[in-house]
Amino acid sequence: MRQFSPFIIAIAIAANGAPALSQDGSPEERAIEIRQGHMLNYAANIGVLVGMAQGNAEYDAETARRAADNLFHLASIDQSHYWLPGTAQGEIEGSGALPAIWENMADFEARHAALLEAVTALQSAAGTDLAALQGALGAVGQACSGCHQSYRARE
């Protein structure tokens, strides 16, 4: 029997709910909701890895590999439709995205490419051993914080 990854299952569930979602709110409101959900998925998987890296959870190679695979797939998704003009903080309620994203989209996209590179390296290291996970996770954290410092409003 073929097993499907939790990521594939989540995509299938989301696709089933897409018609209902498309009828609620403006395109801009939906874009914010979708990108915030995407970021929560990043956080959930990074949290699993950080727990292991910090010793708050036992290192498990298979769990680490799955979380790293999920991060790779999340970073590989075309997100261009999440970043609609008019969805910056101050333009629409609920957005923490700074207008600087749209003022410097090339840099924003380059930072996303750096994240994809970092999670690709993490994917190779995560199932190896704890030290490799810890080393690769640092680059992912730097990629995330570099983008958030420049393009996300402080709470």
N, C-alpha and C. Protein backbone atom coordinates (compact mmCIF):
# COMPACT_ATOMS: atom_id res chain seq x y z
N MET A 1 0.84 -1.18 0.00
CA MET A 1 0.00 0.00 0.00
C MET A 1 0.88 1.24 0.00
N ARG A 2 0.58 2.18 -0.85
CA ARG A 2 1.38 3.40 -0.97
C ARG A 2 1.02 4.37 0.15
N GLN A 3 2.06 4.95 0.78
CA GLN A 3 1.84 5.95 1.83
C GLN A 3 2.10 7.32 1.24
N PHE A 4 1.26 8.27 1.62
CA PHE A 4 1.41 9.64 1.17
C PHE A 4 1.96 10.48 2.30
N SER A 5 2.82 11.42 1.97
CA SER A 5 3.39 12.28 3.00
C SER A 5 2.31 13.20 3.55
N PRO A 6 2.47 13.66 4.80
CA PRO A 6 1.51 14.61 5.36
C PRO A 6 1.39 15.87 4.51
N PHE A 7 2.47 16.27 3.84
CA PHE A 7 2.44 17.45 3.00
C PHE A 7 1.48 17.26 1.83
N ILE A 8 1.56 16.10 1.18
CA ILE A 8 0.67 15.81 0.04
C ILE A 8 -0.77 15.76 0.51
N ILE A 9 -1.01 15.16 1.66
CA ILE A 9 -2.36 15.09 2.20
C ILE A 9 -2.88 16.49 2.50
N ALA A 10 -2.05 17.35 3.07
CA ALA A 10 -2.47 18.73 3.38
C ALA A 10 -2.82 19.48 2.10
N ILE A 11 -2.04 19.29 1.05
CA ILE A 11 -2.33 19.96 -0.22
C ILE A 11 -3.67 19.47 -0.77
N ALA A 12 -3.92 18.17 -0.69
CA ALA A 12 -5.19 17.63 -1.19
C ALA A 12 -6.37 18.19 -0.41
N ILE A 13 -6.23 18.27 0.91
CA ILE A 13 -7.30 18.84 1.73
C ILE A 13 -7.52 20.30 1.37
N ALA A 14 -6.43 21.04 1.22
CA ALA A 14 -6.54 22.46 0.87
C ALA A 14 -7.20 22.63 -0.49
N ALA A 15 -6.85 21.77 -1.43
CA ALA A 15 -7.44 21.87 -2.77
C ALA A 15 -8.94 21.61 -2.73
N ASN A 16 -9.36 20.68 -1.88
CA ASN A 16 -10.79 20.42 -1.74
C ASN A 16 -11.51 21.62 -1.17
N GLY A 17 -10.86 22.35 -0.28
CA GLY A 17 -11.49 23.52 0.33
C GLY A 17 -11.36 24.78 -0.50
N ALA A 18 -10.60 24.74 -1.58
CA ALA A 18 -10.35 25.93 -2.38
C ALA A 18 -11.60 26.59 -2.92
N PRO A 19 -12.59 25.84 -3.44
CA PRO A 19 -13.80 26.52 -3.93
C PRO A 19 -14.50 27.32 -2.85
N ALA A 20 -14.57 26.79 -1.65
CA ALA A 20 -15.23 27.52 -0.56
C ALA A 20 -14.42 28.76 -0.20
N LEU A 21 -13.11 28.63 -0.14
CA LEU A 21 -12.26 29.75 0.20
C LEU A 21 -12.37 30.85 -0.85
N SER A 22 -12.46 30.48 -2.12
CA SER A 22 -12.48 31.48 -3.18
C SER A 22 -13.72 32.35 -3.15
N GLN A 23 -14.75 31.93 -2.41
CA GLN A 23 -15.98 32.71 -2.34
C GLN A 23 -15.99 33.65 -1.13
N ASP A 24 -15.02 33.54 -0.26
CA ASP A 24 -14.98 34.36 0.96
C ASP A 24 -13.92 35.44 0.84
N GLY A 25 -14.32 36.69 0.98
CA GLY A 25 -13.37 37.78 1.01
C GLY A 25 -12.84 38.16 -0.36
N SER A 26 -12.10 39.24 -0.34
CA SER A 26 -11.48 39.76 -1.56
C SER A 26 -10.25 38.93 -1.91
N PRO A 27 -9.76 39.05 -3.13
CA PRO A 27 -8.51 38.36 -3.49
C PRO A 27 -7.36 38.76 -2.56
N GLU A 28 -7.34 40.02 -2.14
CA GLU A 28 -6.27 40.48 -1.25
C GLU A 28 -6.39 39.82 0.13
N GLU A 29 -7.61 39.72 0.65
CA GLU A 29 -7.80 39.06 1.95
C GLU A 29 -7.42 37.59 1.88
N ARG A 30 -7.77 36.93 0.80
CA ARG A 30 -7.41 35.52 0.62
C ARG A 30 -5.90 35.36 0.50
N ALA A 31 -5.24 36.27 -0.20
CA ALA A 31 -3.78 36.19 -0.33
C ALA A 31 -3.11 36.27 1.04
N ILE A 32 -3.59 37.17 1.88
CA ILE A 32 -3.02 37.28 3.23
C ILE A 32 -3.26 36.00 4.02
N GLU A 33 -4.47 35.50 3.96
CA GLU A 33 -4.81 34.27 4.68
C GLU A 33 -3.93 33.11 4.22
N ILE A 34 -3.76 32.98 2.92
CA ILE A 34 -2.96 31.88 2.38
C ILE A 34 -1.49 32.03 2.77
N ARG A 35 -0.93 33.21 2.64
CA ARG A 35 0.50 33.35 2.98
C ARG A 35 0.73 33.20 4.47
N GLN A 36 -0.22 33.64 5.31
CA GLN A 36 -0.06 33.43 6.74
C GLN A 36 -0.13 31.95 7.08
N GLY A 37 -1.01 31.23 6.42
CA GLY A 37 -1.07 29.79 6.61
C GLY A 37 0.22 29.11 6.16
N HIS A 38 0.77 29.59 5.07
CA HIS A 38 2.03 29.05 4.56
C HIS A 38 3.14 29.27 5.60
N MET A 39 3.18 30.45 6.17
CA MET A 39 4.20 30.76 7.18
C MET A 39 4.00 29.90 8.44
N LEU A 40 2.75 29.63 8.80
CA LEU A 40 2.49 28.75 9.95
C LEU A 40 3.00 27.34 9.67
N ASN A 41 2.88 26.89 8.43
CA ASN A 41 3.44 25.59 8.08
C ASN A 41 4.96 25.59 8.18
N TYR A 42 5.59 26.67 7.73
CA TYR A 42 7.04 26.78 7.95
C TYR A 42 7.35 26.67 9.44
N ALA A 43 6.66 27.45 10.25
CA ALA A 43 6.93 27.49 11.69
C ALA A 43 6.73 26.13 12.34
N ALA A 44 5.69 25.41 11.95
CA ALA A 44 5.43 24.09 12.54
C ALA A 44 6.58 23.13 12.27
N ASN A 45 7.08 23.13 11.05
CA ASN A 45 8.16 22.21 10.71
C ASN A 45 9.50 22.66 11.28
N ILE A 46 9.75 23.94 11.28
CA ILE A 46 10.98 24.46 11.89
C ILE A 46 10.96 24.17 13.39
N GLY A 47 9.78 24.30 14.00
CA GLY A 47 9.65 24.02 15.43
C GLY A 47 10.06 22.60 15.79
N VAL A 48 9.69 21.64 14.96
CA VAL A 48 10.09 20.25 15.18
C VAL A 48 11.61 20.14 15.18
N LEU A 49 12.24 20.77 14.21
CA LEU A 49 13.70 20.69 14.07
C LEU A 49 14.43 21.46 15.17
N VAL A 50 13.92 22.62 15.51
CA VAL A 50 14.54 23.42 16.57
C VAL A 50 14.44 22.69 17.90
N GLY A 51 13.30 22.04 18.15
CA GLY A 51 13.16 21.25 19.38
C GLY A 51 14.25 20.20 19.50
N MET A 52 14.53 19.52 18.40
CA MET A 52 15.60 18.52 18.41
C MET A 52 16.97 19.18 18.56
N ALA A 53 17.19 20.25 17.80
CA ALA A 53 18.50 20.92 17.81
C ALA A 53 18.83 21.48 19.18
N GLN A 54 17.82 21.94 19.91
CA GLN A 54 18.04 22.52 21.24
C GLN A 54 17.98 21.49 22.36
N GLY A 55 17.71 20.25 22.02
CA GLY A 55 17.65 19.21 23.03
C GLY A 55 16.32 19.14 23.78
N ASN A 56 15.32 19.84 23.30
CA ASN A 56 14.00 19.80 23.95
C ASN A 56 13.18 18.61 23.46
N ALA A 57 13.61 17.99 22.40
CA ALA A 57 12.99 16.77 21.88
C ALA A 57 14.12 15.85 21.46
N GLU A 58 13.89 14.56 21.57
CA GLU A 58 14.91 13.59 21.19
C GLU A 58 15.11 13.64 19.67
N TYR A 59 16.36 13.59 19.25
CA TYR A 59 16.65 13.57 17.82
C TYR A 59 16.12 12.28 17.23
N ASP A 60 15.36 12.39 16.17
CA ASP A 60 14.83 11.25 15.43
C ASP A 60 15.08 11.53 13.96
N ALA A 61 15.93 10.74 13.34
CA ALA A 61 16.35 11.01 11.96
C ALA A 61 15.17 11.04 10.99
N GLU A 62 14.23 10.13 11.14
CA GLU A 62 13.10 10.08 10.21
C GLU A 62 12.19 11.30 10.38
N THR A 63 11.92 11.69 11.60
CA THR A 63 11.10 12.88 11.85
C THR A 63 11.80 14.12 11.34
N ALA A 64 13.10 14.21 11.56
CA ALA A 64 13.88 15.36 11.07
C ALA A 64 13.85 15.41 9.55
N ARG A 65 14.02 14.27 8.92
CA ARG A 65 14.00 14.21 7.47
C ARG A 65 12.64 14.65 6.92
N ARG A 66 11.56 14.18 7.53
CA ARG A 66 10.23 14.57 7.05
C ARG A 66 9.99 16.06 7.22
N ALA A 67 10.38 16.62 8.35
CA ALA A 67 10.20 18.06 8.56
C ALA A 67 11.02 18.87 7.55
N ALA A 68 12.25 18.43 7.30
CA ALA A 68 13.09 19.12 6.31
C ALA A 68 12.51 18.98 4.90
N ASP A 69 11.98 17.81 4.59
CA ASP A 69 11.33 17.62 3.29
C ASP A 69 10.13 18.56 3.15
N ASN A 70 9.34 18.68 4.21
CA ASN A 70 8.20 19.59 4.19
C ASN A 70 8.65 21.02 3.94
N LEU A 71 9.72 21.44 4.61
CA LEU A 71 10.24 22.79 4.41
C LEU A 71 10.69 23.00 2.97
N PHE A 72 11.35 22.00 2.41
CA PHE A 72 11.77 22.10 1.02
C PHE A 72 10.56 22.29 0.10
N HIS A 73 9.53 21.48 0.32
CA HIS A 73 8.34 21.58 -0.53
C HIS A 73 7.63 22.91 -0.34
N LEU A 74 7.55 23.38 0.89
CA LEU A 74 6.94 24.69 1.15
C LEU A 74 7.70 25.80 0.43
N ALA A 75 9.03 25.74 0.50
CA ALA A 75 9.85 26.77 -0.14
C ALA A 75 9.81 26.66 -1.66
N SER A 76 9.48 25.48 -2.17
CA SER A 76 9.45 25.27 -3.62
C SER A 76 8.15 25.73 -4.27
N ILE A 77 7.13 25.97 -3.49
CA ILE A 77 5.84 26.39 -4.05
C ILE A 77 5.95 27.80 -4.61
N ASP A 78 5.37 28.01 -5.79
CA ASP A 78 5.30 29.35 -6.36
C ASP A 78 4.39 30.20 -5.48
N GLN A 79 4.95 31.21 -4.88
CA GLN A 79 4.21 32.05 -3.94
C GLN A 79 3.82 33.39 -4.54
N SER A 80 4.03 33.57 -5.81
CA SER A 80 3.80 34.88 -6.41
C SER A 80 2.37 35.38 -6.23
N HIS A 81 1.41 34.48 -6.20
CA HIS A 81 0.02 34.91 -6.02
C HIS A 81 -0.32 35.24 -4.58
N TYR A 82 0.60 35.02 -3.65
CA TYR A 82 0.40 35.40 -2.25
C TYR A 82 0.69 36.89 -2.03
N TRP A 83 1.50 37.45 -2.87
CA TRP A 83 2.06 38.78 -2.65
C TRP A 83 1.43 39.79 -3.61
N LEU A 84 0.14 39.90 -3.54
CA LEU A 84 -0.59 40.83 -4.40
C LEU A 84 -0.33 42.28 -4.00
N PRO A 85 -0.22 43.18 -4.96
CA PRO A 85 -0.18 44.61 -4.62
C PRO A 85 -1.45 44.95 -3.83
N GLY A 86 -1.29 45.83 -2.86
CA GLY A 86 -2.42 46.21 -2.03
C GLY A 86 -2.57 45.36 -0.78
N THR A 87 -1.59 44.47 -0.53
CA THR A 87 -1.68 43.61 0.65
C THR A 87 -0.60 43.90 1.69
N ALA A 88 -0.03 45.08 1.62
CA ALA A 88 0.99 45.47 2.60
C ALA A 88 0.31 45.99 3.87
N GLN A 89 1.08 45.99 4.93
CA GLN A 89 0.60 46.57 6.18
C GLN A 89 0.19 48.02 5.92
N GLY A 90 -0.96 48.41 6.45
CA GLY A 90 -1.45 49.76 6.24
C GLY A 90 -2.35 49.87 5.02
N GLU A 91 -2.30 48.89 4.14
CA GLU A 91 -3.17 48.88 2.97
C GLU A 91 -4.40 48.00 3.18
N ILE A 92 -4.25 47.02 4.06
CA ILE A 92 -5.33 46.07 4.32
C ILE A 92 -5.15 45.52 5.73
N GLU A 93 -6.23 45.29 6.41
CA GLU A 93 -6.19 44.80 7.78
C GLU A 93 -5.61 43.38 7.82
N GLY A 94 -4.80 43.14 8.83
CA GLY A 94 -4.26 41.80 9.07
C GLY A 94 -2.93 41.51 8.43
N SER A 95 -2.37 42.45 7.69
CA SER A 95 -1.10 42.20 7.02
C SER A 95 0.07 42.69 7.85
N GLY A 96 1.10 41.87 7.92
CA GLY A 96 2.34 42.27 8.55
C GLY A 96 3.45 42.47 7.53
N ALA A 97 3.09 42.40 6.26
CA ALA A 97 4.07 42.55 5.18
C ALA A 97 4.34 44.03 4.95
N LEU A 98 5.59 44.40 5.00
CA LEU A 98 5.95 45.80 4.80
C LEU A 98 5.89 46.18 3.32
N PRO A 99 5.56 47.43 3.02
CA PRO A 99 5.52 47.89 1.63
C PRO A 99 6.86 47.70 0.90
N ALA A 100 7.94 47.58 1.65
CA ALA A 100 9.27 47.40 1.04
C ALA A 100 9.32 46.17 0.14
N ILE A 101 8.46 45.18 0.39
CA ILE A 101 8.44 43.99 -0.48
C ILE A 101 8.20 44.41 -1.93
N TRP A 102 7.18 45.22 -2.14
CA TRP A 102 6.78 45.61 -3.49
C TRP A 102 7.70 46.68 -4.07
N GLU A 103 8.42 47.38 -3.18
CA GLU A 103 9.38 48.39 -3.64
C GLU A 103 10.68 47.74 -4.10
N ASN A 104 10.96 46.54 -3.60
CA ASN A 104 12.20 45.86 -3.94
C ASN A 104 11.95 44.36 -4.12
N MET A 105 11.04 44.04 -5.03
CA MET A 105 10.65 42.65 -5.26
C MET A 105 11.84 41.77 -5.65
N ALA A 106 12.81 42.31 -6.36
CA ALA A 106 13.97 41.51 -6.76
C ALA A 106 14.74 41.02 -5.53
N ASP A 107 14.93 41.88 -4.54
CA ASP A 107 15.61 41.47 -3.32
C ASP A 107 14.76 40.47 -2.54
N PHE A 108 13.48 40.71 -2.47
CA PHE A 108 12.55 39.80 -1.79
C PHE A 108 12.64 38.41 -2.41
N GLU A 109 12.64 38.34 -3.73
CA GLU A 109 12.74 37.06 -4.42
C GLU A 109 14.11 36.42 -4.21
N ALA A 110 15.15 37.24 -4.14
CA ALA A 110 16.49 36.70 -3.88
C ALA A 110 16.56 36.10 -2.47
N ARG A 111 15.90 36.71 -1.53
CA ARG A 111 15.87 36.17 -0.17
C ARG A 111 15.10 34.85 -0.13
N HIS A 112 14.06 34.76 -0.93
CA HIS A 112 13.33 33.49 -1.02
C HIS A 112 14.23 32.42 -1.63
N ALA A 113 15.00 32.78 -2.64
CA ALA A 113 15.93 31.83 -3.26
C ALA A 113 16.97 31.37 -2.23
N ALA A 114 17.42 32.27 -1.36
CA ALA A 114 18.37 31.90 -0.31
C ALA A 114 17.73 30.92 0.67
N LEU A 115 16.45 31.13 0.98
CA LEU A 115 15.74 30.18 1.85
C LEU A 115 15.68 28.82 1.18
N LEU A 116 15.34 28.77 -0.09
CA LEU A 116 15.26 27.50 -0.79
C LEU A 116 16.61 26.79 -0.79
N GLU A 117 17.67 27.54 -0.97
CA GLU A 117 19.02 26.95 -0.92
C GLU A 117 19.32 26.39 0.47
N ALA A 118 18.95 27.14 1.50
CA ALA A 118 19.21 26.70 2.87
C ALA A 118 18.38 25.46 3.23
N VAL A 119 17.12 25.41 2.83
CA VAL A 119 16.32 24.23 3.16
C VAL A 119 16.73 23.02 2.32
N THR A 120 17.29 23.25 1.14
CA THR A 120 17.83 22.15 0.34
C THR A 120 19.01 21.52 1.07
N ALA A 121 19.88 22.34 1.61
CA ALA A 121 21.01 21.82 2.40
C ALA A 121 20.51 21.14 3.67
N LEU A 122 19.51 21.72 4.30
CA LEU A 122 18.92 21.12 5.50
C LEU A 122 18.34 19.75 5.18
N GLN A 123 17.70 19.65 4.05
CA GLN A 123 17.10 18.39 3.63
C GLN A 123 18.16 17.28 3.56
N SER A 124 19.34 17.62 3.08
CA SER A 124 20.44 16.64 2.99
C SER A 124 20.99 16.28 4.37
N ALA A 125 20.98 17.24 5.28
CA ALA A 125 21.61 17.04 6.58
C ALA A 125 20.68 16.50 7.67
N ALA A 126 19.41 16.79 7.58
CA ALA A 126 18.50 16.55 8.70
C ALA A 126 18.43 15.10 9.16
N GLY A 127 18.44 14.16 8.26
CA GLY A 127 18.34 12.75 8.62
C GLY A 127 19.66 12.08 8.89
N THR A 128 20.74 12.85 8.90
CA THR A 128 22.08 12.30 9.07
C THR A 128 22.40 12.09 10.55
N ASP A 129 22.52 13.18 11.27
CA ASP A 129 22.74 13.14 12.72
C ASP A 129 22.44 14.51 13.30
N LEU A 130 22.43 14.59 14.61
CA LEU A 130 22.06 15.83 15.30
C LEU A 130 22.99 16.98 14.95
N ALA A 131 24.29 16.73 14.91
CA ALA A 131 25.25 17.81 14.60
C ALA A 131 25.01 18.37 13.21
N ALA A 132 24.75 17.51 12.24
CA ALA A 132 24.49 17.98 10.87
C ALA A 132 23.20 18.80 10.83
N LEU A 133 22.18 18.34 11.55
CA LEU A 133 20.93 19.09 11.63
C LEU A 133 21.17 20.47 12.21
N GLN A 134 21.88 20.52 13.32
CA GLN A 134 22.15 21.80 13.97
C GLN A 134 22.90 22.75 13.05
N GLY A 135 23.89 22.25 12.35
CA GLY A 135 24.67 23.10 11.44
C GLY A 135 23.84 23.65 10.30
N ALA A 136 23.01 22.82 9.71
CA ALA A 136 22.20 23.25 8.56
C ALA A 136 21.04 24.13 8.99
N LEU A 137 20.54 23.92 10.19
CA LEU A 137 19.39 24.70 10.66
C LEU A 137 19.76 26.17 10.86
N GLY A 138 21.01 26.45 11.18
CA GLY A 138 21.44 27.84 11.36
C GLY A 138 21.26 28.67 10.09
N ALA A 139 21.57 28.10 8.95
CA ALA A 139 21.41 28.82 7.68
C ALA A 139 19.94 29.09 7.37
N VAL A 140 19.07 28.15 7.74
CA VAL A 140 17.64 28.36 7.54
C VAL A 140 17.17 29.51 8.42
N GLY A 141 17.60 29.52 9.67
CA GLY A 141 17.24 30.61 10.58
C GLY A 141 17.72 31.96 10.08
N GLN A 142 18.92 31.99 9.53
CA GLN A 142 19.45 33.25 8.98
C GLN A 142 18.63 33.71 7.78
N ALA A 143 18.24 32.78 6.93
CA ALA A 143 17.43 33.13 5.75
C ALA A 143 16.07 33.68 6.19
N CYS A 144 15.46 33.01 7.16
CA CYS A 144 14.15 33.47 7.65
C CYS A 144 14.26 34.85 8.29
N SER A 145 15.20 35.00 9.21
CA SER A 145 15.30 36.27 9.93
C SER A 145 15.75 37.40 9.02
N GLY A 146 16.58 37.11 8.05
CA GLY A 146 17.01 38.16 7.11
C GLY A 146 15.83 38.74 6.35
N CYS A 147 14.92 37.89 5.94
CA CYS A 147 13.74 38.36 5.22
C CYS A 147 12.79 39.08 6.19
N HIS A 148 12.56 38.48 7.34
CA HIS A 148 11.63 39.08 8.31
C HIS A 148 12.12 40.44 8.80
N GLN A 149 13.42 40.60 8.98
CA GLN A 149 13.95 41.89 9.44
C GLN A 149 13.69 42.99 8.42
N SER A 150 13.76 42.66 7.16
CA SER A 150 13.59 43.66 6.11
C SER A 150 12.14 43.83 5.66
N TYR A 151 11.36 42.77 5.75
CA TYR A 151 10.06 42.79 5.08
C TYR A 151 8.85 42.46 5.94
N ARG A 152 9.05 42.24 7.22
CA ARG A 152 7.92 41.91 8.10
C ARG A 152 7.85 42.94 9.22
N ALA A 153 6.63 43.43 9.46
CA ALA A 153 6.44 44.41 10.54
C ALA A 153 6.70 43.75 11.88
N ARG A 154 7.30 44.46 12.77
CA ARG A 154 7.53 43.97 14.12
C ARG A 154 6.21 44.01 14.88
N GLU A 155 5.99 42.97 15.67
CA GLU A 155 4.74 42.92 16.43
C GLU A 155 4.87 43.66 17.74
